[in-house]
Amino acid sequence: MIKNAIKIPFLAVTLFALTLPAAAGQWLHILVEEEGSQETVRVNFPLTLAKLVAPMIEEHSDGDLSQIEINDRRLTVQELREIWERVKAEGDYRLASVQHGENDIVVALEGPFLIVRSREGSRHQVDVQVPTPIVDALLSGTSDQLNISAALDALSTYASDDFTLVNVVDGHDRAKVKVWISQNSDQ
């Protein structure tokens, strides 16, 4: 069922939707589909709107952008900055490897990307890549909130004709979630 397939990737989709560039002609695409189902969701969002909306989100977030919850642990933006600086100081390396049943997921820093990727043969196929300058920009500044506007500006330099940020395929029910940016408005 699509609802089950998008629970985990939904947070990633939401975060990436808020950290996309606002250059003319660029579009955010979100595809959620399940093989054999009548349900498919396609979103095509002009990125120029993201740049207009970002300051409003930052201004009216009421502290919601000041912390992130990971495994029931709330991390403040300052804690995230400290962790990120330590991660970057180490250079390219594997941050984590998670093996659970039929799933084998790796989180790593590779060149200019923070990646989350499943190994071949995993039941869930995951491919997430975030340019490290986007993370830098998101955590920039001295305030206690994420800097969405800076992240939008930084990602615009990575926007190519077809740049995939998130691609997840659930091996059980063959549900798929894909988030990418492109120059085409209709995908």
N, C-alpha and C. Protein backbone atom coordinates (compact mmCIF):
# COMPACT_ATOMS: atom_id res chain seq x y z
N MET A 1 0.84 -1.18 0.00
CA MET A 1 0.00 0.00 0.00
C MET A 1 0.89 1.24 0.00
N ILE A 2 0.51 2.24 -0.77
CA ILE A 2 1.31 3.45 -0.92
C ILE A 2 1.52 4.14 0.43
N LYS A 3 0.52 4.17 1.27
CA LYS A 3 0.66 4.84 2.56
C LYS A 3 1.83 4.28 3.35
N ASN A 4 1.99 2.97 3.37
CA ASN A 4 3.09 2.35 4.09
C ASN A 4 4.42 2.63 3.43
N ALA A 5 4.44 2.71 2.13
CA ALA A 5 5.69 2.92 1.40
C ALA A 5 6.24 4.31 1.59
N ILE A 6 5.40 5.30 1.89
CA ILE A 6 5.89 6.67 1.95
C ILE A 6 6.09 7.18 3.36
N LYS A 7 5.87 6.39 4.39
CA LYS A 7 6.05 6.88 5.75
C LYS A 7 7.46 7.39 5.98
N ILE A 8 8.47 6.56 5.73
CA ILE A 8 9.85 6.97 5.97
C ILE A 8 10.31 8.00 4.95
N PRO A 9 10.11 7.77 3.65
CA PRO A 9 10.58 8.75 2.69
C PRO A 9 9.83 10.08 2.75
N PHE A 10 8.65 10.13 3.38
CA PHE A 10 7.88 11.37 3.41
C PHE A 10 8.66 12.50 4.07
N LEU A 11 9.37 12.21 5.17
CA LEU A 11 10.17 13.24 5.82
C LEU A 11 11.25 13.73 4.88
N ALA A 12 11.91 12.81 4.19
CA ALA A 12 12.95 13.20 3.25
C ALA A 12 12.38 14.04 2.13
N VAL A 13 11.24 13.64 1.60
CA VAL A 13 10.58 14.39 0.54
C VAL A 13 10.27 15.80 1.01
N THR A 14 9.72 15.91 2.20
CA THR A 14 9.36 17.22 2.75
C THR A 14 10.59 18.09 2.91
N LEU A 15 11.66 17.54 3.49
CA LEU A 15 12.88 18.32 3.69
C LEU A 15 13.48 18.75 2.36
N PHE A 16 13.55 17.82 1.41
CA PHE A 16 14.12 18.17 0.11
C PHE A 16 13.26 19.18 -0.61
N ALA A 17 11.97 19.10 -0.47
CA ALA A 17 11.07 20.07 -1.13
C ALA A 17 11.35 21.47 -0.61
N LEU A 18 11.76 21.57 0.65
CA LEU A 18 12.04 22.88 1.23
C LEU A 18 13.46 23.36 0.95
N THR A 19 14.31 22.48 0.42
CA THR A 19 15.70 22.86 0.19
C THR A 19 16.07 22.83 -1.28
N LEU A 20 15.13 23.19 -2.12
CA LEU A 20 15.39 23.16 -3.55
C LEU A 20 15.58 24.56 -4.11
N PRO A 21 16.27 24.68 -5.25
CA PRO A 21 16.62 25.97 -5.80
C PRO A 21 15.45 26.71 -6.42
N ALA A 22 15.66 28.00 -6.56
CA ALA A 22 14.60 28.84 -7.10
C ALA A 22 15.00 29.45 -8.44
N ALA A 23 15.77 28.76 -9.22
CA ALA A 23 16.18 29.27 -10.52
C ALA A 23 15.06 29.07 -11.53
N ALA A 24 15.01 29.97 -12.50
CA ALA A 24 13.96 29.91 -13.50
C ALA A 24 14.05 28.61 -14.29
N GLY A 25 12.89 28.03 -14.58
CA GLY A 25 12.86 26.84 -15.39
C GLY A 25 13.12 25.54 -14.66
N GLN A 26 13.36 25.57 -13.38
CA GLN A 26 13.61 24.35 -12.63
C GLN A 26 12.34 23.90 -11.92
N TRP A 27 12.16 22.58 -11.88
CA TRP A 27 10.95 22.01 -11.31
C TRP A 27 11.30 20.88 -10.36
N LEU A 28 10.55 20.78 -9.29
CA LEU A 28 10.62 19.65 -8.37
C LEU A 28 9.57 18.65 -8.80
N HIS A 29 9.97 17.40 -8.89
CA HIS A 29 9.04 16.34 -9.25
C HIS A 29 9.02 15.31 -8.13
N ILE A 30 7.84 14.88 -7.75
CA ILE A 30 7.67 13.82 -6.76
C ILE A 30 6.75 12.78 -7.39
N LEU A 31 7.20 11.53 -7.36
CA LEU A 31 6.42 10.43 -7.89
C LEU A 31 6.28 9.38 -6.79
N VAL A 32 5.05 8.99 -6.51
CA VAL A 32 4.77 7.91 -5.56
C VAL A 32 3.82 6.96 -6.27
N GLU A 33 4.26 5.71 -6.43
CA GLU A 33 3.41 4.74 -7.11
C GLU A 33 3.64 3.35 -6.53
N GLU A 34 2.65 2.52 -6.72
CA GLU A 34 2.72 1.14 -6.27
C GLU A 34 2.35 0.24 -7.43
N GLU A 35 3.23 -0.70 -7.73
CA GLU A 35 3.00 -1.62 -8.83
C GLU A 35 1.68 -2.38 -8.61
N GLY A 36 0.84 -2.44 -9.62
CA GLY A 36 -0.41 -3.16 -9.53
C GLY A 36 -1.52 -2.40 -8.82
N SER A 37 -1.28 -1.17 -8.46
CA SER A 37 -2.28 -0.37 -7.74
C SER A 37 -2.85 0.69 -8.67
N GLN A 38 -4.04 1.11 -8.37
CA GLN A 38 -4.66 2.21 -9.11
C GLN A 38 -4.17 3.56 -8.60
N GLU A 39 -3.40 3.56 -7.49
CA GLU A 39 -2.97 4.80 -6.86
C GLU A 39 -1.59 5.23 -7.37
N THR A 40 -1.50 6.45 -7.86
CA THR A 40 -0.24 7.07 -8.25
C THR A 40 -0.35 8.55 -7.92
N VAL A 41 0.73 9.08 -7.35
CA VAL A 41 0.78 10.51 -7.04
C VAL A 41 1.94 11.11 -7.81
N ARG A 42 1.65 12.17 -8.57
CA ARG A 42 2.68 12.91 -9.30
C ARG A 42 2.54 14.38 -8.94
N VAL A 43 3.64 14.97 -8.50
CA VAL A 43 3.66 16.39 -8.17
C VAL A 43 4.74 17.05 -9.01
N ASN A 44 4.40 18.12 -9.69
CA ASN A 44 5.33 18.94 -10.45
C ASN A 44 5.23 20.36 -9.90
N PHE A 45 6.31 20.82 -9.25
CA PHE A 45 6.28 22.06 -8.48
C PHE A 45 7.33 23.02 -9.01
N PRO A 46 6.94 24.21 -9.46
CA PRO A 46 7.94 25.18 -9.93
C PRO A 46 8.80 25.66 -8.75
N LEU A 47 10.11 25.57 -8.92
CA LEU A 47 11.01 25.89 -7.83
C LEU A 47 11.08 27.37 -7.50
N THR A 48 10.62 28.20 -8.41
CA THR A 48 10.59 29.62 -8.10
C THR A 48 9.67 29.89 -6.90
N LEU A 49 8.64 29.06 -6.74
CA LEU A 49 7.75 29.21 -5.58
C LEU A 49 8.45 28.88 -4.27
N ALA A 50 9.36 27.91 -4.30
CA ALA A 50 10.08 27.53 -3.08
C ALA A 50 10.86 28.72 -2.53
N LYS A 51 11.49 29.47 -3.41
CA LYS A 51 12.26 30.65 -2.98
C LYS A 51 11.35 31.72 -2.38
N LEU A 52 10.15 31.86 -2.92
CA LEU A 52 9.21 32.84 -2.38
C LEU A 52 8.64 32.41 -1.02
N VAL A 53 8.44 31.12 -0.86
CA VAL A 53 7.81 30.59 0.36
C VAL A 53 8.81 30.44 1.51
N ALA A 54 10.08 30.19 1.22
CA ALA A 54 11.08 29.91 2.25
C ALA A 54 11.14 30.97 3.36
N PRO A 55 11.20 32.26 3.05
CA PRO A 55 11.25 33.24 4.13
C PRO A 55 10.00 33.21 5.03
N MET A 56 8.84 32.91 4.44
CA MET A 56 7.61 32.82 5.25
C MET A 56 7.68 31.62 6.18
N ILE A 57 8.21 30.50 5.69
CA ILE A 57 8.35 29.31 6.54
C ILE A 57 9.29 29.61 7.69
N GLU A 58 10.42 30.24 7.37
CA GLU A 58 11.41 30.57 8.42
C GLU A 58 10.82 31.53 9.44
N GLU A 59 10.10 32.54 8.98
CA GLU A 59 9.55 33.56 9.87
C GLU A 59 8.43 33.03 10.75
N HIS A 60 7.59 32.17 10.22
CA HIS A 60 6.40 31.71 10.95
C HIS A 60 6.48 30.27 11.43
N SER A 61 7.69 29.76 11.59
CA SER A 61 7.84 28.35 11.97
C SER A 61 7.61 28.12 13.46
N ASP A 62 7.61 29.17 14.29
CA ASP A 62 7.40 29.05 15.74
C ASP A 62 8.34 28.01 16.35
N GLY A 63 9.60 28.00 15.93
CA GLY A 63 10.59 27.10 16.50
C GLY A 63 10.60 25.71 15.90
N ASP A 64 9.68 25.42 14.98
CA ASP A 64 9.63 24.09 14.39
C ASP A 64 10.88 23.76 13.58
N LEU A 65 11.63 24.77 13.18
CA LEU A 65 12.86 24.54 12.42
C LEU A 65 14.09 24.55 13.32
N SER A 66 13.88 24.48 14.62
CA SER A 66 15.00 24.57 15.56
C SER A 66 15.49 23.21 16.03
N GLN A 67 14.80 22.14 15.66
CA GLN A 67 15.24 20.81 16.06
C GLN A 67 14.71 19.76 15.10
N ILE A 68 15.42 18.63 15.08
CA ILE A 68 15.03 17.51 14.24
C ILE A 68 14.98 16.29 15.13
N GLU A 69 13.99 15.43 14.90
CA GLU A 69 13.86 14.21 15.69
C GLU A 69 14.38 13.03 14.89
N ILE A 70 15.32 12.30 15.50
CA ILE A 70 15.89 11.10 14.89
C ILE A 70 15.81 9.98 15.93
N ASN A 71 15.05 8.94 15.60
CA ASN A 71 14.87 7.81 16.53
C ASN A 71 14.47 8.27 17.93
N ASP A 72 13.45 9.09 18.00
CA ASP A 72 12.91 9.60 19.27
C ASP A 72 13.89 10.48 20.04
N ARG A 73 14.97 10.94 19.40
CA ARG A 73 15.92 11.85 20.05
C ARG A 73 15.85 13.18 19.32
N ARG A 74 15.57 14.22 20.06
CA ARG A 74 15.52 15.56 19.45
C ARG A 74 16.90 16.19 19.46
N LEU A 75 17.33 16.63 18.27
CA LEU A 75 18.61 17.31 18.13
C LEU A 75 18.34 18.75 17.74
N THR A 76 19.00 19.68 18.43
CA THR A 76 18.86 21.09 18.09
C THR A 76 19.71 21.39 16.86
N VAL A 77 19.46 22.52 16.24
CA VAL A 77 20.26 22.93 15.09
C VAL A 77 21.72 23.08 15.49
N GLN A 78 21.97 23.61 16.68
CA GLN A 78 23.36 23.74 17.14
C GLN A 78 24.02 22.37 17.28
N GLU A 79 23.33 21.39 17.81
CA GLU A 79 23.88 20.04 17.91
C GLU A 79 24.14 19.46 16.52
N LEU A 80 23.21 19.70 15.60
CA LEU A 80 23.40 19.23 14.22
C LEU A 80 24.62 19.89 13.58
N ARG A 81 24.82 21.18 13.84
CA ARG A 81 26.00 21.87 13.30
C ARG A 81 27.29 21.23 13.81
N GLU A 82 27.33 20.96 15.11
CA GLU A 82 28.52 20.35 15.70
C GLU A 82 28.78 18.96 15.12
N ILE A 83 27.74 18.16 14.99
CA ILE A 83 27.89 16.81 14.42
C ILE A 83 28.36 16.91 12.98
N TRP A 84 27.74 17.78 12.20
CA TRP A 84 28.08 17.92 10.79
C TRP A 84 29.53 18.35 10.61
N GLU A 85 30.00 19.29 11.42
CA GLU A 85 31.40 19.74 11.32
C GLU A 85 32.36 18.60 11.61
N ARG A 86 32.05 17.77 12.58
CA ARG A 86 32.91 16.61 12.89
C ARG A 86 32.89 15.59 11.77
N VAL A 87 31.71 15.37 11.19
CA VAL A 87 31.59 14.43 10.08
C VAL A 87 32.43 14.91 8.90
N LYS A 88 32.31 16.18 8.54
CA LYS A 88 33.06 16.72 7.40
C LYS A 88 34.56 16.69 7.63
N ALA A 89 35.00 16.89 8.86
CA ALA A 89 36.42 16.91 9.18
C ALA A 89 37.10 15.57 8.90
N GLU A 90 36.34 14.50 8.92
CA GLU A 90 36.89 13.16 8.68
C GLU A 90 37.08 12.85 7.20
N GLY A 91 36.45 13.61 6.31
CA GLY A 91 36.55 13.33 4.89
C GLY A 91 35.64 12.18 4.47
N ASP A 92 35.95 11.58 3.33
CA ASP A 92 35.12 10.49 2.81
C ASP A 92 35.22 9.26 3.71
N TYR A 93 34.08 8.78 4.14
CA TYR A 93 34.05 7.54 4.92
C TYR A 93 32.62 7.10 5.12
N ARG A 94 32.47 5.85 5.55
CA ARG A 94 31.16 5.28 5.85
C ARG A 94 30.78 5.68 7.26
N LEU A 95 29.66 6.39 7.39
CA LEU A 95 29.16 6.81 8.69
C LEU A 95 28.45 5.68 9.41
N ALA A 96 27.68 4.92 8.66
CA ALA A 96 26.91 3.84 9.27
C ALA A 96 26.58 2.79 8.23
N SER A 97 26.44 1.58 8.71
CA SER A 97 25.97 0.47 7.89
C SER A 97 24.92 -0.24 8.72
N VAL A 98 23.73 -0.35 8.18
CA VAL A 98 22.62 -0.96 8.91
C VAL A 98 22.19 -2.22 8.17
N GLN A 99 22.28 -3.33 8.86
CA GLN A 99 21.84 -4.60 8.28
C GLN A 99 20.72 -5.13 9.15
N HIS A 100 19.55 -5.27 8.54
CA HIS A 100 18.38 -5.75 9.27
C HIS A 100 17.57 -6.64 8.34
N GLY A 101 17.60 -7.93 8.61
CA GLY A 101 16.86 -8.85 7.75
C GLY A 101 17.34 -8.79 6.32
N GLU A 102 16.43 -8.48 5.42
CA GLU A 102 16.75 -8.43 3.99
C GLU A 102 17.24 -7.05 3.54
N ASN A 103 17.48 -6.16 4.48
CA ASN A 103 17.91 -4.81 4.13
C ASN A 103 19.35 -4.57 4.55
N ASP A 104 20.10 -3.88 3.70
CA ASP A 104 21.49 -3.55 3.96
C ASP A 104 21.69 -2.13 3.45
N ILE A 105 21.72 -1.17 4.36
CA ILE A 105 21.77 0.25 4.01
C ILE A 105 23.09 0.85 4.49
N VAL A 106 23.69 1.71 3.68
CA VAL A 106 24.93 2.39 4.02
C VAL A 106 24.68 3.90 4.00
N VAL A 107 25.19 4.58 5.03
CA VAL A 107 25.18 6.04 5.08
C VAL A 107 26.65 6.47 5.02
N ALA A 108 26.99 7.32 4.06
CA ALA A 108 28.40 7.67 3.88
C ALA A 108 28.55 9.10 3.38
N LEU A 109 29.74 9.60 3.56
CA LEU A 109 30.15 10.86 2.97
C LEU A 109 31.06 10.49 1.82
N GLU A 110 30.64 10.80 0.59
CA GLU A 110 31.41 10.47 -0.61
C GLU A 110 31.58 11.71 -1.45
N GLY A 111 32.79 12.22 -1.49
CA GLY A 111 33.05 13.42 -2.27
C GLY A 111 32.13 14.53 -1.84
N PRO A 112 31.43 15.13 -2.81
CA PRO A 112 30.56 16.26 -2.46
C PRO A 112 29.15 15.85 -2.03
N PHE A 113 28.95 14.57 -1.63
CA PHE A 113 27.61 14.12 -1.30
C PHE A 113 27.54 13.37 0.02
N LEU A 114 26.45 13.60 0.73
CA LEU A 114 26.05 12.75 1.85
C LEU A 114 25.07 11.77 1.22
N ILE A 115 25.36 10.48 1.34
CA ILE A 115 24.52 9.50 0.66
C ILE A 115 23.90 8.51 1.64
N VAL A 116 22.75 8.00 1.25
CA VAL A 116 22.12 6.86 1.91
C VAL A 116 21.78 5.92 0.77
N ARG A 117 22.37 4.72 0.81
CA ARG A 117 22.22 3.82 -0.32
C ARG A 117 22.09 2.38 0.18
N SER A 118 21.21 1.63 -0.46
CA SER A 118 21.10 0.21 -0.14
C SER A 118 22.09 -0.55 -1.02
N ARG A 119 22.53 -1.67 -0.48
CA ARG A 119 23.43 -2.51 -1.26
C ARG A 119 22.59 -3.39 -2.18
N GLU A 120 23.21 -3.85 -3.24
CA GLU A 120 22.51 -4.73 -4.19
C GLU A 120 21.98 -5.96 -3.45
N GLY A 121 20.77 -6.32 -3.75
CA GLY A 121 20.16 -7.48 -3.11
C GLY A 121 19.29 -7.13 -1.91
N SER A 122 19.35 -5.87 -1.45
CA SER A 122 18.48 -5.46 -0.35
C SER A 122 17.03 -5.46 -0.81
N ARG A 123 16.13 -5.77 0.10
CA ARG A 123 14.71 -5.79 -0.24
C ARG A 123 14.22 -4.40 -0.62
N HIS A 124 14.68 -3.39 0.08
CA HIS A 124 14.32 -2.00 -0.22
C HIS A 124 15.51 -1.38 -0.95
N GLN A 125 15.25 -0.84 -2.12
CA GLN A 125 16.29 -0.16 -2.87
C GLN A 125 16.22 1.33 -2.57
N VAL A 126 17.28 1.85 -1.97
CA VAL A 126 17.32 3.24 -1.52
C VAL A 126 18.51 3.93 -2.17
N ASP A 127 18.29 5.12 -2.69
CA ASP A 127 19.37 5.93 -3.23
C ASP A 127 19.03 7.39 -2.95
N VAL A 128 19.70 7.95 -1.95
CA VAL A 128 19.51 9.36 -1.57
C VAL A 128 20.87 10.03 -1.65
N GLN A 129 20.94 11.15 -2.32
CA GLN A 129 22.20 11.90 -2.37
C GLN A 129 21.91 13.38 -2.15
N VAL A 130 22.61 13.92 -1.17
CA VAL A 130 22.45 15.34 -0.83
C VAL A 130 23.82 15.99 -0.98
N PRO A 131 23.94 16.98 -1.85
CA PRO A 131 25.22 17.68 -1.95
C PRO A 131 25.61 18.30 -0.60
N THR A 132 26.87 18.10 -0.19
CA THR A 132 27.29 18.60 1.13
C THR A 132 27.16 20.12 1.26
N PRO A 133 27.36 20.91 0.19
CA PRO A 133 27.14 22.35 0.34
C PRO A 133 25.69 22.70 0.71
N ILE A 134 24.75 21.83 0.37
CA ILE A 134 23.35 22.07 0.74
C ILE A 134 23.19 21.90 2.24
N VAL A 135 23.81 20.86 2.78
CA VAL A 135 23.76 20.65 4.23
C VAL A 135 24.45 21.81 4.93
N ASP A 136 25.62 22.23 4.40
CA ASP A 136 26.32 23.39 4.98
C ASP A 136 25.39 24.60 5.03
N ALA A 137 24.73 24.87 3.92
CA ALA A 137 23.85 26.04 3.84
C ALA A 137 22.66 25.90 4.78
N LEU A 138 22.07 24.72 4.84
CA LEU A 138 20.92 24.49 5.71
C LEU A 138 21.28 24.75 7.18
N LEU A 139 22.51 24.43 7.54
CA LEU A 139 22.96 24.59 8.93
C LEU A 139 23.73 25.89 9.14
N SER A 140 23.76 26.77 8.14
CA SER A 140 24.53 28.01 8.23
C SER A 140 23.83 29.04 9.12
N GLY A 141 24.56 30.05 9.45
CA GLY A 141 24.02 31.13 10.25
C GLY A 141 24.25 30.91 11.74
N THR A 142 23.77 31.86 12.49
CA THR A 142 23.97 31.79 13.94
C THR A 142 22.66 31.61 14.69
N SER A 143 21.56 31.63 13.97
CA SER A 143 20.27 31.46 14.65
C SER A 143 20.08 30.01 15.04
N ASP A 144 19.02 29.76 15.79
CA ASP A 144 18.74 28.40 16.23
C ASP A 144 17.77 27.68 15.29
N GLN A 145 17.67 28.15 14.04
CA GLN A 145 16.77 27.52 13.08
C GLN A 145 17.52 27.14 11.81
N LEU A 146 16.97 26.15 11.10
CA LEU A 146 17.52 25.76 9.82
C LEU A 146 17.39 26.93 8.84
N ASN A 147 18.38 27.11 7.98
CA ASN A 147 18.40 28.21 7.03
C ASN A 147 17.94 27.70 5.66
N ILE A 148 16.64 27.66 5.49
CA ILE A 148 16.06 27.13 4.25
C ILE A 148 16.41 27.99 3.05
N SER A 149 16.39 29.30 3.21
CA SER A 149 16.71 30.19 2.08
C SER A 149 18.12 29.94 1.57
N ALA A 150 19.09 29.78 2.47
CA ALA A 150 20.48 29.51 2.05
C ALA A 150 20.57 28.16 1.35
N ALA A 151 19.84 27.17 1.84
CA ALA A 151 19.85 25.85 1.21
C ALA A 151 19.28 25.92 -0.20
N LEU A 152 18.23 26.71 -0.39
CA LEU A 152 17.66 26.90 -1.73
C LEU A 152 18.68 27.49 -2.68
N ASP A 153 19.39 28.51 -2.20
CA ASP A 153 20.41 29.14 -3.04
C ASP A 153 21.53 28.17 -3.39
N ALA A 154 21.97 27.39 -2.41
CA ALA A 154 23.07 26.45 -2.64
C ALA A 154 22.69 25.34 -3.61
N LEU A 155 21.49 24.82 -3.50
CA LEU A 155 21.10 23.72 -4.36
C LEU A 155 20.95 24.15 -5.82
N SER A 156 20.67 25.41 -6.04
CA SER A 156 20.50 25.88 -7.42
C SER A 156 21.76 25.66 -8.25
N THR A 157 22.92 25.58 -7.61
CA THR A 157 24.15 25.33 -8.37
C THR A 157 24.28 23.87 -8.79
N TYR A 158 23.49 22.99 -8.19
CA TYR A 158 23.53 21.57 -8.52
C TYR A 158 22.41 21.15 -9.47
N ALA A 159 21.52 22.05 -9.74
CA ALA A 159 20.36 21.70 -10.56
C ALA A 159 20.79 21.52 -12.01
N SER A 160 20.70 20.31 -12.46
CA SER A 160 21.01 20.01 -13.85
C SER A 160 19.71 19.63 -14.56
N ASP A 161 19.83 19.08 -15.72
CA ASP A 161 18.64 18.71 -16.47
C ASP A 161 17.81 17.65 -15.75
N ASP A 162 18.48 16.75 -15.00
CA ASP A 162 17.75 15.70 -14.30
C ASP A 162 18.61 15.24 -13.11
N PHE A 163 18.37 15.79 -11.95
CA PHE A 163 19.16 15.49 -10.76
C PHE A 163 18.26 14.80 -9.74
N THR A 164 18.50 13.51 -9.50
CA THR A 164 17.68 12.74 -8.57
C THR A 164 18.22 12.88 -7.16
N LEU A 165 17.34 13.28 -6.25
CA LEU A 165 17.69 13.42 -4.84
C LEU A 165 17.31 12.17 -4.04
N VAL A 166 16.13 11.64 -4.31
CA VAL A 166 15.63 10.49 -3.56
C VAL A 166 15.05 9.48 -4.55
N ASN A 167 15.41 8.22 -4.38
CA ASN A 167 14.81 7.15 -5.16
C ASN A 167 14.71 5.93 -4.26
N VAL A 168 13.50 5.54 -3.88
CA VAL A 168 13.28 4.42 -2.96
C VAL A 168 12.27 3.48 -3.60
N VAL A 169 12.61 2.18 -3.63
CA VAL A 169 11.71 1.15 -4.13
C VAL A 169 11.58 0.10 -3.05
N ASP A 170 10.36 -0.14 -2.59
CA ASP A 170 10.09 -1.16 -1.58
C ASP A 170 9.97 -2.49 -2.29
N GLY A 171 10.83 -3.43 -1.93
CA GLY A 171 10.84 -4.73 -2.59
C GLY A 171 9.64 -5.59 -2.29
N HIS A 172 8.93 -5.32 -1.20
CA HIS A 172 7.79 -6.16 -0.84
C HIS A 172 6.58 -5.89 -1.73
N ASP A 173 6.11 -4.65 -1.74
CA ASP A 173 4.93 -4.34 -2.54
C ASP A 173 5.26 -3.49 -3.76
N ARG A 174 6.56 -3.37 -4.06
CA ARG A 174 7.05 -2.65 -5.24
C ARG A 174 6.54 -1.21 -5.31
N ALA A 175 6.43 -0.60 -4.15
CA ALA A 175 6.08 0.82 -4.12
C ALA A 175 7.34 1.63 -4.41
N LYS A 176 7.15 2.77 -5.03
CA LYS A 176 8.28 3.60 -5.44
C LYS A 176 8.04 5.05 -5.04
N VAL A 177 9.10 5.67 -4.52
CA VAL A 177 9.07 7.11 -4.23
C VAL A 177 10.31 7.70 -4.88
N LYS A 178 10.11 8.70 -5.71
CA LYS A 178 11.23 9.36 -6.38
C LYS A 178 11.05 10.86 -6.28
N VAL A 179 12.14 11.57 -5.95
CA VAL A 179 12.14 13.03 -5.89
C VAL A 179 13.31 13.50 -6.74
N TRP A 180 13.05 14.36 -7.71
CA TRP A 180 14.11 14.86 -8.56
C TRP A 180 13.78 16.25 -9.05
N ILE A 181 14.80 16.92 -9.56
CA ILE A 181 14.61 18.24 -10.16
C ILE A 181 15.02 18.16 -11.62
N SER A 182 14.35 18.96 -12.43
CA SER A 182 14.68 18.99 -13.85
C SER A 182 14.25 20.32 -14.45
N GLN A 183 14.57 20.49 -15.71
CA GLN A 183 14.16 21.68 -16.45
C GLN A 183 12.77 21.53 -17.06
N ASN A 184 12.21 20.34 -17.00
CA ASN A 184 10.91 20.08 -17.62
C ASN A 184 9.80 20.19 -16.60
N SER A 185 8.72 20.85 -16.97
CA SER A 185 7.61 21.05 -16.05
C SER A 185 6.71 19.84 -15.93
N ASP A 186 6.72 18.97 -16.92
CA ASP A 186 5.81 17.84 -16.93
C ASP A 186 6.60 16.54 -16.97
N GLN A 187 6.43 15.73 -15.95
CA GLN A 187 7.15 14.45 -15.90
C GLN A 187 6.19 13.34 -15.61
